[in-house]
């Protein structure tokens, strides 16, 4: 028999009738989730149909069980990742109390005012370094200054910011 026979509707139907219940039971007994097992059985037969020219009729059952098992493992892995993400998400939400949010907003307002009050040359160097993540050398090249001049401007800016806000 050639693998093209799997693509014939009568042969495919016969493979379905012969294997669908056994495949569903295999998945259900192994993983304990009937609805997911039924979904995976359908998905496995879709994959068989899509690949019917590549699968020999005598390998169809093996193909189905392998595909189904792999699909089910992928589903369980995905569920585990989602669960882990939800747990992390919930723990960070619990830390953001109204008081924390208010303090954060007050700090950000104070920071904005402080940065705005810096002399222009210091503010420019400070923002290029802290916001745009430019190195002193890159800033020096952009502003046509020496690296020492950039360092001095940054030092003066940090002294002002630390006096008004604290370490950032």
N, C-alpha and C. Protein backbone atom coordinates (compact mmCIF):
# COMPACT_ATOMS: atom_id res chain seq x y z
N UNK A 1 0.84 -1.18 0.00
CA UNK A 1 0.00 0.00 0.00
C UNK A 1 0.88 1.24 0.00
N UNK A 2 0.47 2.24 -0.73
CA UNK A 2 1.23 3.49 -0.78
C UNK A 2 0.68 4.47 0.25
N UNK A 3 1.49 5.47 0.57
CA UNK A 3 1.06 6.45 1.57
C UNK A 3 -0.09 7.31 1.06
N UNK A 4 -0.27 7.37 -0.27
CA UNK A 4 -1.37 8.15 -0.83
C UNK A 4 -2.73 7.60 -0.41
N UNK A 5 -2.77 6.35 -0.03
CA UNK A 5 -4.04 5.76 0.37
C UNK A 5 -4.61 6.40 1.63
N UNK A 6 -3.76 6.92 2.51
CA UNK A 6 -4.24 7.59 3.72
C UNK A 6 -5.07 8.81 3.33
N UNK A 7 -4.76 9.42 2.20
CA UNK A 7 -5.48 10.61 1.74
C UNK A 7 -6.86 10.29 1.15
N UNK A 8 -7.10 9.02 0.88
CA UNK A 8 -8.41 8.64 0.36
C UNK A 8 -9.43 8.70 1.49
N UNK A 9 -10.56 9.37 1.27
CA UNK A 9 -11.55 9.57 2.34
C UNK A 9 -11.99 8.28 3.04
N UNK A 10 -12.19 7.17 2.29
CA UNK A 10 -12.64 5.94 2.92
C UNK A 10 -11.57 5.38 3.85
N UNK A 11 -10.31 5.44 3.43
CA UNK A 11 -9.21 4.94 4.24
C UNK A 11 -9.05 5.80 5.49
N UNK A 12 -9.12 7.11 5.28
CA UNK A 12 -8.97 8.04 6.42
C UNK A 12 -10.10 7.82 7.43
N UNK A 13 -11.33 7.69 6.93
CA UNK A 13 -12.46 7.42 7.82
C UNK A 13 -12.25 6.13 8.61
N UNK A 14 -11.75 5.10 7.95
CA UNK A 14 -11.48 3.84 8.62
C UNK A 14 -10.42 4.01 9.71
N UNK A 15 -9.38 4.77 9.42
CA UNK A 15 -8.34 5.04 10.43
C UNK A 15 -8.96 5.79 11.61
N UNK A 16 -9.85 6.72 11.33
CA UNK A 16 -10.51 7.49 12.40
C UNK A 16 -11.36 6.56 13.28
N UNK A 17 -12.22 5.77 12.63
CA UNK A 17 -13.11 4.88 13.38
C UNK A 17 -12.31 3.89 14.21
N UNK A 18 -11.23 3.39 13.66
CA UNK A 18 -10.42 2.38 14.34
C UNK A 18 -9.63 2.96 15.52
N UNK A 19 -9.20 4.22 15.42
CA UNK A 19 -8.24 4.73 16.40
C UNK A 19 -8.73 5.87 17.31
N UNK A 20 -9.78 6.56 16.96
CA UNK A 20 -10.19 7.75 17.69
C UNK A 20 -10.49 7.47 19.17
N UNK A 21 -11.30 6.45 19.44
CA UNK A 21 -11.65 6.14 20.83
C UNK A 21 -10.43 5.70 21.65
N UNK A 22 -9.61 4.84 21.06
CA UNK A 22 -8.41 4.38 21.75
C UNK A 22 -7.46 5.54 22.05
N UNK A 23 -7.34 6.45 21.10
CA UNK A 23 -6.46 7.60 21.27
C UNK A 23 -7.01 8.52 22.36
N UNK A 24 -8.31 8.77 22.33
CA UNK A 24 -8.94 9.60 23.37
C UNK A 24 -8.76 8.98 24.75
N UNK A 25 -9.01 7.68 24.85
CA UNK A 25 -8.85 6.99 26.14
C UNK A 25 -7.40 7.03 26.63
N UNK A 26 -6.47 6.82 25.72
CA UNK A 26 -5.05 6.87 26.06
C UNK A 26 -4.71 8.23 26.69
N UNK A 27 -5.15 9.30 26.04
CA UNK A 27 -4.87 10.64 26.54
C UNK A 27 -5.60 10.93 27.85
N UNK A 28 -6.86 10.49 27.92
CA UNK A 28 -7.65 10.73 29.12
C UNK A 28 -7.06 10.00 30.32
N UNK A 29 -6.68 8.75 30.13
CA UNK A 29 -6.12 7.98 31.23
C UNK A 29 -4.75 8.53 31.65
N UNK A 30 -4.00 9.01 30.69
CA UNK A 30 -2.66 9.50 30.99
C UNK A 30 -2.68 10.87 31.66
N UNK A 31 -3.60 11.75 31.23
CA UNK A 31 -3.59 13.12 31.70
C UNK A 31 -4.82 13.53 32.52
N UNK A 32 -5.89 12.76 32.47
CA UNK A 32 -7.05 13.02 33.31
C UNK A 32 -7.92 14.19 32.89
N UNK A 33 -7.87 14.58 31.65
CA UNK A 33 -8.66 15.72 31.18
C UNK A 33 -9.39 15.30 29.90
N UNK A 34 -10.67 14.93 30.04
CA UNK A 34 -11.43 14.39 28.92
C UNK A 34 -11.62 15.41 27.80
N UNK A 35 -12.00 16.63 28.15
CA UNK A 35 -12.25 17.66 27.12
C UNK A 35 -10.98 17.93 26.32
N UNK A 36 -9.87 18.11 27.02
CA UNK A 36 -8.60 18.34 26.33
C UNK A 36 -8.21 17.13 25.49
N UNK A 37 -8.47 15.93 26.00
CA UNK A 37 -8.14 14.72 25.25
C UNK A 37 -8.93 14.67 23.94
N UNK A 38 -10.21 15.01 24.00
CA UNK A 38 -11.03 15.01 22.77
C UNK A 38 -10.54 16.07 21.78
N UNK A 39 -10.17 17.23 22.29
CA UNK A 39 -9.65 18.29 21.41
C UNK A 39 -8.35 17.86 20.75
N UNK A 40 -7.49 17.23 21.51
CA UNK A 40 -6.20 16.79 20.98
C UNK A 40 -6.39 15.68 19.95
N UNK A 41 -7.36 14.81 20.16
CA UNK A 41 -7.65 13.76 19.17
C UNK A 41 -8.03 14.42 17.84
N UNK A 42 -8.90 15.41 17.89
CA UNK A 42 -9.31 16.09 16.66
C UNK A 42 -8.12 16.76 15.99
N UNK A 43 -7.30 17.44 16.79
CA UNK A 43 -6.12 18.12 16.25
C UNK A 43 -5.14 17.11 15.63
N UNK A 44 -5.02 15.95 16.25
CA UNK A 44 -4.12 14.91 15.73
C UNK A 44 -4.60 14.40 14.37
N UNK A 45 -5.89 14.21 14.24
CA UNK A 45 -6.42 13.75 12.95
C UNK A 45 -6.29 14.83 11.88
N UNK A 46 -6.39 16.08 12.29
CA UNK A 46 -6.16 17.17 11.32
C UNK A 46 -4.73 17.11 10.82
N UNK A 47 -3.79 16.91 11.75
CA UNK A 47 -2.38 16.82 11.35
C UNK A 47 -2.14 15.60 10.45
N UNK A 48 -2.82 14.51 10.73
CA UNK A 48 -2.70 13.34 9.86
C UNK A 48 -3.22 13.67 8.47
N UNK A 49 -4.34 14.35 8.39
CA UNK A 49 -4.91 14.69 7.08
C UNK A 49 -3.97 15.62 6.31
N UNK A 50 -3.41 16.61 7.02
CA UNK A 50 -2.50 17.56 6.37
C UNK A 50 -1.25 16.83 5.86
N UNK A 51 -0.81 15.82 6.59
CA UNK A 51 0.40 15.08 6.22
C UNK A 51 0.12 13.72 5.61
N UNK A 52 -1.08 13.51 5.10
CA UNK A 52 -1.48 12.18 4.63
C UNK A 52 -0.59 11.64 3.53
N UNK A 53 0.01 12.51 2.72
CA UNK A 53 0.88 12.01 1.65
C UNK A 53 2.23 11.56 2.19
N UNK A 54 2.56 11.95 3.40
CA UNK A 54 3.86 11.62 3.99
C UNK A 54 3.80 10.42 4.93
N UNK A 55 2.59 10.01 5.31
CA UNK A 55 2.43 8.95 6.31
C UNK A 55 1.93 7.68 5.63
N UNK A 56 2.68 6.62 5.82
CA UNK A 56 2.26 5.32 5.28
C UNK A 56 1.09 4.80 6.12
N UNK A 57 0.20 4.08 5.48
CA UNK A 57 -1.01 3.60 6.17
C UNK A 57 -0.68 2.75 7.39
N UNK A 58 0.40 1.97 7.30
CA UNK A 58 0.77 1.13 8.44
C UNK A 58 1.40 1.94 9.58
N UNK A 59 1.77 3.18 9.31
CA UNK A 59 2.37 4.06 10.33
C UNK A 59 1.37 5.09 10.86
N UNK A 60 0.15 5.07 10.37
CA UNK A 60 -0.85 6.08 10.73
C UNK A 60 -1.15 6.06 12.23
N UNK A 61 -1.33 4.88 12.81
CA UNK A 61 -1.66 4.78 14.23
C UNK A 61 -0.50 5.34 15.07
N UNK A 62 0.69 4.94 14.76
CA UNK A 62 1.87 5.43 15.47
C UNK A 62 1.99 6.94 15.34
N UNK A 63 1.77 7.46 14.14
CA UNK A 63 1.81 8.90 13.88
C UNK A 63 0.81 9.62 14.78
N UNK A 64 -0.42 9.11 14.81
CA UNK A 64 -1.48 9.73 15.60
C UNK A 64 -1.13 9.77 17.09
N UNK A 65 -0.66 8.64 17.64
CA UNK A 65 -0.35 8.59 19.06
C UNK A 65 0.84 9.50 19.41
N UNK A 66 1.82 9.55 18.55
CA UNK A 66 2.98 10.42 18.79
C UNK A 66 2.57 11.88 18.74
N UNK A 67 1.83 12.26 17.70
CA UNK A 67 1.38 13.65 17.57
C UNK A 67 0.49 14.03 18.74
N UNK A 68 -0.44 13.17 19.10
CA UNK A 68 -1.37 13.47 20.19
C UNK A 68 -0.62 13.64 21.51
N UNK A 69 0.29 12.75 21.79
CA UNK A 69 1.04 12.86 23.04
C UNK A 69 1.85 14.16 23.07
N UNK A 70 2.50 14.50 21.96
CA UNK A 70 3.29 15.74 21.90
C UNK A 70 2.40 16.97 22.05
N UNK A 71 1.24 16.96 21.41
CA UNK A 71 0.31 18.09 21.54
C UNK A 71 -0.16 18.26 22.98
N UNK A 72 -0.47 17.16 23.62
CA UNK A 72 -0.95 17.22 24.99
C UNK A 72 0.14 17.73 25.92
N UNK A 73 1.37 17.30 25.71
CA UNK A 73 2.50 17.78 26.51
C UNK A 73 2.67 19.28 26.30
N UNK A 74 2.56 19.74 25.06
CA UNK A 74 2.66 21.18 24.78
C UNK A 74 1.57 21.97 25.50
N UNK A 75 0.36 21.43 25.51
CA UNK A 75 -0.76 22.10 26.20
C UNK A 75 -0.46 22.21 27.69
N UNK A 76 0.01 21.13 28.29
CA UNK A 76 0.30 21.14 29.73
C UNK A 76 1.44 22.09 30.05
N UNK A 77 2.45 22.13 29.19
CA UNK A 77 3.56 23.07 29.41
C UNK A 77 3.05 24.51 29.36
N UNK A 78 2.20 24.78 28.38
CA UNK A 78 1.64 26.12 28.24
C UNK A 78 0.81 26.49 29.47
N UNK A 79 0.00 25.57 29.95
CA UNK A 79 -0.81 25.82 31.15
C UNK A 79 0.08 26.12 32.35
N UNK A 80 1.20 25.41 32.45
CA UNK A 80 2.12 25.63 33.56
C UNK A 80 2.74 27.02 33.47
N UNK A 81 3.11 27.44 32.27
CA UNK A 81 3.68 28.77 32.08
C UNK A 81 2.66 29.85 32.42
N UNK A 82 1.43 29.67 31.97
CA UNK A 82 0.36 30.63 32.27
C UNK A 82 0.14 30.71 33.77
N UNK A 83 0.12 29.59 34.43
CA UNK A 83 -0.09 29.56 35.88
C UNK A 83 1.05 30.27 36.60
N UNK A 84 2.27 30.02 36.18
CA UNK A 84 3.43 30.68 36.78
C UNK A 84 3.35 32.18 36.58
N UNK A 85 2.98 32.60 35.38
CA UNK A 85 2.86 34.03 35.07
C UNK A 85 1.77 34.67 35.92
N UNK A 86 0.64 33.99 36.08
CA UNK A 86 -0.45 34.53 36.89
C UNK A 86 -0.02 34.68 38.34
N UNK A 87 0.72 33.69 38.86
CA UNK A 87 1.20 33.78 40.24
C UNK A 87 2.11 34.98 40.42
N UNK A 88 3.02 35.18 39.47
CA UNK A 88 3.92 36.34 39.54
C UNK A 88 3.13 37.63 39.43
N UNK A 89 2.18 37.66 38.52
CA UNK A 89 1.36 38.85 38.32
C UNK A 89 0.60 39.21 39.57
N UNK A 90 0.01 38.24 40.23
CA UNK A 90 -0.76 38.51 41.44
C UNK A 90 0.13 39.02 42.57
N UNK A 91 1.33 38.50 42.69
CA UNK A 91 2.19 38.93 43.78
C UNK A 91 2.62 40.37 43.60
N UNK A 92 2.86 40.82 42.36
CA UNK A 92 3.26 42.21 42.16
C UNK A 92 2.09 43.16 42.36
N UNK A 93 0.88 42.72 42.03
CA UNK A 93 -0.29 43.56 42.23
C UNK A 93 -0.52 43.80 43.71
N UNK A 94 -0.31 42.77 44.53
CA UNK A 94 -0.53 42.90 45.96
C UNK A 94 0.41 43.91 46.60
N UNK A 95 1.60 44.12 46.04
CA UNK A 95 2.57 45.05 46.60
C UNK A 95 2.22 46.49 46.28
N UNK A 96 1.45 46.73 45.25
CA UNK A 96 1.13 48.09 44.85
C UNK A 96 -0.13 48.57 45.56
N UNK A 97 0.05 48.93 46.80
CA UNK A 97 -1.05 49.46 47.59
C UNK A 97 -1.31 50.89 47.16
N UNK A 98 -2.44 51.45 47.50
CA UNK A 98 -2.69 52.86 47.19
C UNK A 98 -1.61 53.78 47.76
N UNK A 99 -1.13 53.44 48.95
CA UNK A 99 -0.07 54.25 49.56
C UNK A 99 1.21 54.19 48.71
N UNK A 100 1.57 53.00 48.26
CA UNK A 100 2.76 52.84 47.42
C UNK A 100 2.61 53.63 46.12
N UNK A 101 1.46 53.55 45.50
CA UNK A 101 1.22 54.26 44.24
C UNK A 101 1.32 55.76 44.47
N UNK A 102 0.77 56.26 45.57
CA UNK A 102 0.82 57.69 45.88
C UNK A 102 2.28 58.13 46.11
N UNK A 103 3.05 57.34 46.86
CA UNK A 103 4.45 57.67 47.13
C UNK A 103 5.26 57.68 45.83
N UNK A 104 4.97 56.71 44.96
CA UNK A 104 5.67 56.64 43.69
C UNK A 104 5.38 57.88 42.84
N UNK A 105 4.14 58.29 42.80
CA UNK A 105 3.75 59.49 42.04
C UNK A 105 4.42 60.73 42.61
N UNK A 106 4.42 60.86 43.94
CA UNK A 106 5.08 62.01 44.58
C UNK A 106 6.56 62.03 44.25
N UNK A 107 7.21 60.86 44.29
CA UNK A 107 8.63 60.77 43.96
C UNK A 107 8.87 61.19 42.51
N UNK A 108 8.05 60.68 41.60
CA UNK A 108 8.23 61.01 40.18
C UNK A 108 8.03 62.51 39.95
N UNK A 109 7.04 63.11 40.61
CA UNK A 109 6.83 64.56 40.48
C UNK A 109 8.05 65.32 40.98
N UNK A 110 8.56 64.92 42.14
CA UNK A 110 9.73 65.57 42.73
C UNK A 110 10.94 65.42 41.81
N UNK A 111 11.10 64.24 41.22
CA UNK A 111 12.21 63.99 40.30
C UNK A 111 12.11 64.88 39.07
N UNK A 112 10.92 64.99 38.51
CA UNK A 112 10.71 65.84 37.32
C UNK A 112 11.06 67.29 37.63
N UNK A 113 10.61 67.78 38.77
CA UNK A 113 10.89 69.18 39.16
C UNK A 113 12.39 69.38 39.35
N UNK A 114 13.03 68.41 40.00
CA UNK A 114 14.47 68.51 40.24
C UNK A 114 15.25 68.50 38.94
N UNK A 115 14.92 67.60 38.05
CA UNK A 115 15.61 67.53 36.76
C UNK A 115 15.37 68.82 35.97
N UNK A 116 14.15 69.33 36.04
CA UNK A 116 13.83 70.58 35.35
C UNK A 116 14.59 71.77 35.91
N UNK A 117 14.97 71.72 37.18
CA UNK A 117 15.68 72.84 37.80
C UNK A 117 17.19 72.81 37.56
N UNK A 118 17.70 71.71 37.00
CA UNK A 118 19.13 71.63 36.72
C UNK A 118 19.51 72.65 35.65
N UNK A 119 20.72 73.19 35.72
CA UNK A 119 21.18 74.04 34.61
C UNK A 119 21.16 73.25 33.30
N UNK A 120 20.92 73.94 32.20
CA UNK A 120 20.73 73.29 30.90
C UNK A 120 21.82 72.27 30.56
N UNK A 121 23.07 72.64 30.72
CA UNK A 121 24.17 71.75 30.32
C UNK A 121 24.22 70.49 31.20
N UNK A 122 23.95 70.66 32.50
CA UNK A 122 23.94 69.50 33.40
C UNK A 122 22.73 68.61 33.11
N UNK A 123 21.58 69.23 32.88
CA UNK A 123 20.37 68.46 32.58
C UNK A 123 20.55 67.64 31.32
N UNK A 124 21.15 68.25 30.30
CA UNK A 124 21.37 67.55 29.04
C UNK A 124 22.24 66.30 29.24
N UNK A 125 23.35 66.45 29.96
CA UNK A 125 24.25 65.31 30.22
C UNK A 125 23.54 64.27 31.08
N UNK A 126 22.85 64.72 32.11
CA UNK A 126 22.15 63.81 33.02
C UNK A 126 21.14 62.95 32.26
N UNK A 127 20.31 63.59 31.44
CA UNK A 127 19.27 62.85 30.71
C UNK A 127 19.87 61.93 29.64
N UNK A 128 20.90 62.39 28.96
CA UNK A 128 21.53 61.53 27.96
C UNK A 128 22.11 60.28 28.62
N UNK A 129 22.66 60.42 29.81
CA UNK A 129 23.26 59.28 30.49
C UNK A 129 22.21 58.39 31.14
N UNK A 130 21.32 58.97 31.91
CA UNK A 130 20.39 58.18 32.72
C UNK A 130 19.16 57.72 31.95
N UNK A 131 18.71 58.47 30.99
CA UNK A 131 17.51 58.09 30.24
C UNK A 131 17.88 57.40 28.93
N UNK A 132 18.76 58.02 28.15
CA UNK A 132 19.13 57.45 26.85
C UNK A 132 20.24 56.41 26.96
N UNK A 133 20.80 56.24 28.16
CA UNK A 133 21.83 55.23 28.44
C UNK A 133 23.09 55.42 27.59
N UNK A 134 23.42 56.67 27.32
CA UNK A 134 24.64 56.97 26.56
C UNK A 134 25.83 56.96 27.53
N UNK A 135 26.98 56.54 27.02
CA UNK A 135 28.19 56.56 27.83
C UNK A 135 28.75 57.98 27.81
N UNK A 136 29.65 58.26 28.75
CA UNK A 136 30.26 59.59 28.79
C UNK A 136 30.99 59.88 27.48
N UNK A 137 31.63 58.88 26.93
CA UNK A 137 32.36 59.06 25.67
C UNK A 137 31.38 59.42 24.54
N UNK A 138 30.24 58.72 24.47
CA UNK A 138 29.24 59.02 23.43
C UNK A 138 28.68 60.43 23.61
N UNK A 139 28.43 60.81 24.86
CA UNK A 139 27.91 62.15 25.13
C UNK A 139 28.94 63.19 24.72
N UNK A 140 30.21 62.95 25.06
CA UNK A 140 31.29 63.88 24.71
C UNK A 140 31.35 64.08 23.19
N UNK A 141 31.23 63.01 22.44
CA UNK A 141 31.26 63.11 20.98
C UNK A 141 30.04 63.87 20.46
N UNK A 142 28.88 63.61 21.03
CA UNK A 142 27.65 64.28 20.58
C UNK A 142 27.70 65.78 20.84
N UNK A 143 28.23 66.17 22.01
CA UNK A 143 28.22 67.57 22.41
C UNK A 143 29.53 68.29 22.09
N UNK A 144 30.44 67.57 21.48
CA UNK A 144 31.75 68.12 21.12
C UNK A 144 32.47 68.66 22.37
N UNK A 145 32.54 67.80 23.39
CA UNK A 145 33.20 68.12 24.65
C UNK A 145 34.23 67.04 24.96
N UNK A 146 35.05 67.30 25.96
CA UNK A 146 35.95 66.25 26.44
C UNK A 146 35.17 65.35 27.39
N UNK A 147 35.65 64.14 27.58
CA UNK A 147 35.01 63.21 28.51
C UNK A 147 35.07 63.79 29.92
N UNK A 148 36.16 64.47 30.27
CA UNK A 148 36.29 65.09 31.59
C UNK A 148 35.21 66.14 31.81
N UNK A 149 34.90 66.93 30.78
CA UNK A 149 33.85 67.95 30.91
C UNK A 149 32.49 67.29 31.15
N UNK A 150 32.22 66.19 30.46
CA UNK A 150 30.97 65.46 30.65
C UNK A 150 30.91 64.91 32.07
N UNK A 151 32.01 64.33 32.54
CA UNK A 151 32.05 63.80 33.90
C UNK A 151 31.78 64.89 34.93
N UNK A 152 32.35 66.08 34.72
CA UNK A 152 32.17 67.18 35.65
C UNK A 152 30.71 67.63 35.67
N UNK A 153 30.09 67.74 34.50
CA UNK A 153 28.67 68.13 34.43
C UNK A 153 27.78 67.10 35.11
N UNK A 154 28.08 65.84 34.89
CA UNK A 154 27.30 64.77 35.50
C UNK A 154 27.47 64.79 37.01
N UNK A 155 28.69 65.01 37.47
CA UNK A 155 28.95 65.06 38.91
C UNK A 155 28.14 66.18 39.56
N UNK A 156 28.14 67.36 38.95
CA UNK A 156 27.40 68.50 39.49
C UNK A 156 25.89 68.22 39.49
N UNK A 157 25.40 67.59 38.41
CA UNK A 157 23.98 67.26 38.33
C UNK A 157 23.59 66.27 39.42
N UNK A 158 24.41 65.26 39.64
CA UNK A 158 24.12 64.25 40.66
C UNK A 158 24.15 64.84 42.07
N UNK A 159 25.04 65.79 42.31
CA UNK A 159 25.09 66.45 43.63
C UNK A 159 23.77 67.16 43.89
N UNK A 160 23.26 67.88 42.91
CA UNK A 160 21.99 68.60 43.06
C UNK A 160 20.84 67.62 43.26
N UNK A 161 20.78 66.58 42.43
CA UNK A 161 19.68 65.61 42.52
C UNK A 161 19.72 64.90 43.88
N UNK A 162 20.88 64.50 44.34
CA UNK A 162 20.98 63.80 45.62
C UNK A 162 20.59 64.70 46.78
N UNK A 163 20.93 65.98 46.71
CA UNK A 163 20.52 66.90 47.78
C UNK A 163 19.02 67.03 47.85
N UNK A 164 18.36 67.11 46.69
CA UNK A 164 16.91 67.34 46.67
C UNK A 164 16.10 66.07 46.83
N UNK A 165 16.61 64.94 46.37
CA UNK A 165 15.81 63.71 46.37
C UNK A 165 16.44 62.58 47.16
N UNK A 166 17.71 62.40 47.03
CA UNK A 166 18.38 61.24 47.60
C UNK A 166 19.01 60.47 46.45
N UNK A 167 19.59 59.31 46.71
CA UNK A 167 20.25 58.52 45.66
C UNK A 167 19.23 57.96 44.68
N UNK A 168 19.55 58.04 43.40
CA UNK A 168 18.72 57.39 42.38
C UNK A 168 19.58 56.52 41.50
